[in-house]
Amino acid sequence: QVQLVESGGGLVQPGGSLRLSCAASGFTFSSAGMSWYRQVPGKERTYVATISASGSTTYYANFVKGRFTISRDNSKNMLYLQLNSLKRTDTAVYFCTWPGTDYWGQGTQVTVSS
């Protein structure tokens, strides 16, 4: 069955960095575009970024403004999100997803605080 498992979240100071990972299994990862979303308690999930199946094309939400980088390693069935210059407003649970399906990971918490 399809599984998406995020990791790499944690507590980081403002201005710091984190790299989130998403381990994918149960489908042909190298043929699937993938996305990251985030969610603050009590609010809807917000789009963050998308990467094409080959990794050659990426898209970002406006608020990212060059601070985040989505990438993938198809040889390892892994999706990544590099978070730089983190702000307190980036605090959220981050989810990876296979767009166009109902498959989501369980999320990984990112907390930006001093």
Protein backbone atom coordinates (compact mmCIF):
# COMPACT_ATOMS: atom_id res chain seq x y z
CA GLN A 1 0.00 0.00 0.00
CA VAL A 2 1.01 3.59 -0.46
CA GLN A 3 2.95 5.06 2.43
CA LEU A 4 4.35 8.53 2.93
CA VAL A 5 6.40 9.06 6.08
CA GLU A 6 7.76 12.48 6.98
CA SER A 7 10.66 13.16 9.29
CA GLY A 8 13.13 15.90 10.14
CA GLY A 9 10.94 18.35 11.99
CA GLY A 10 11.90 19.89 15.29
CA LEU A 11 12.51 23.05 17.26
CA VAL A 12 14.66 25.69 15.61
CA GLN A 13 15.45 29.31 16.34
CA PRO A 14 14.33 32.08 14.01
CA GLY A 15 16.73 32.33 11.11
CA GLY A 16 17.65 28.68 11.41
CA SER A 17 17.31 25.79 8.99
CA LEU A 18 15.80 22.33 8.83
CA ARG A 19 15.59 19.65 6.16
CA LEU A 20 12.39 17.68 6.03
CA SER A 21 12.27 14.25 4.43
CA CYS A 22 9.43 12.15 3.10
CA ALA A 23 9.97 8.44 2.50
CA ALA A 24 7.62 7.10 -0.16
CA SER A 25 6.64 3.50 -0.87
CA GLY A 26 3.92 1.47 -2.52
CA PHE A 27 3.81 3.31 -5.84
CA THR A 28 6.11 4.28 -8.69
CA PHE A 29 7.66 7.30 -7.02
CA SER A 30 9.74 8.28 -10.03
CA SER A 31 6.56 8.79 -12.06
CA ALA A 32 4.78 10.96 -9.52
CA GLY A 33 4.89 14.69 -8.98
CA MET A 34 5.00 15.40 -5.24
CA SER A 35 4.06 18.29 -3.01
CA TRP A 36 4.51 19.70 0.46
CA TYR A 37 1.78 21.40 2.46
CA ARG A 38 1.68 22.77 5.98
CA GLN A 39 -1.01 23.27 8.59
CA VAL A 40 -1.39 25.36 11.69
CA PRO A 41 -3.88 24.05 14.30
CA GLY A 42 -7.34 25.34 13.59
CA LYS A 43 -6.54 26.37 10.03
CA GLU A 44 -6.67 24.68 6.65
CA ARG A 45 -3.64 23.07 5.07
CA THR A 46 -1.61 25.53 3.02
CA TYR A 47 0.26 24.74 -0.17
CA VAL A 48 4.04 25.05 0.07
CA ALA A 49 5.75 23.53 -2.98
CA THR A 50 5.57 20.97 -5.80
CA ILE A 51 8.21 19.10 -7.74
CA SER A 52 7.74 17.25 -11.02
CA ALA A 53 8.34 13.52 -11.31
CA SER A 54 11.80 14.01 -12.81
CA GLY A 55 12.68 16.80 -10.44
CA SER A 56 13.33 19.21 -13.27
CA THR A 57 10.46 21.56 -12.46
CA THR A 58 9.50 23.10 -9.15
CA TYR A 59 6.77 25.43 -7.97
CA TYR A 60 6.49 27.39 -4.75
CA ALA A 61 3.92 29.33 -2.81
CA ASN A 62 4.56 33.06 -2.81
CA PHE A 63 5.33 33.17 0.89
CA VAL A 64 8.35 30.88 0.37
CA LYS A 65 10.23 33.72 -1.38
CA GLY A 66 13.38 31.73 -2.01
CA ARG A 67 13.70 30.42 1.53
CA PHE A 68 12.58 26.84 0.89
CA THR A 69 13.82 24.30 -1.66
CA ILE A 70 11.96 21.17 -2.70
CA SER A 71 13.98 18.29 -4.11
CA ARG A 72 13.84 14.55 -4.60
CA ASP A 73 16.00 11.48 -4.97
CA ASN A 74 14.18 8.98 -7.17
CA SER A 75 16.84 6.33 -6.55
CA LYS A 76 15.88 6.38 -2.87
CA ASN A 77 12.16 7.18 -3.19
CA MET A 78 12.75 10.26 -1.08
CA LEU A 79 11.26 13.75 -1.17
CA TYR A 80 12.88 16.66 0.65
CA LEU A 81 12.08 20.20 1.74
CA GLN A 82 14.98 22.40 2.79
CA LEU A 83 13.77 25.19 5.06
CA ASN A 84 16.09 28.18 5.46
CA SER A 85 15.73 31.59 7.12
CA LEU A 86 12.89 30.21 9.20
CA LYS A 87 10.39 32.59 10.77
CA ARG A 88 8.05 32.10 13.70
CA THR A 89 5.20 32.13 11.21
CA ASP A 90 6.64 28.99 9.59
CA THR A 91 5.65 27.02 12.69
CA ALA A 92 3.30 24.30 11.47
CA VAL A 93 2.93 20.61 10.78
CA TYR A 94 4.43 19.86 7.37
CA PHE A 95 2.93 17.15 5.17
CA CYS A 96 4.05 15.49 1.97
CA THR A 97 1.44 14.37 -0.51
CA TRP A 98 1.00 12.72 -3.88
CA PRO A 99 -1.09 15.32 -5.73
CA GLY A 100 -4.32 14.13 -7.29
CA THR A 101 -4.68 11.32 -4.79
CA ASP A 102 -5.83 11.08 -1.19
CA TYR A 103 -2.42 9.98 0.02
CA TRP A 104 -0.82 12.12 2.72
CA GLY A 105 1.85 11.49 5.28
CA GLN A 106 1.24 11.84 9.01
CA GLY A 107 3.13 15.12 9.14
CA THR A 108 6.19 16.40 10.96
CA GLN A 109 6.09 19.31 13.40
CA VAL A 110 8.27 22.34 12.77
CA THR A 111 8.46 24.85 15.61
CA VAL A 112 10.33 28.11 15.15
CA SER A 113 10.95 29.77 18.47
CA SER A 114 13.69 31.39 20.49
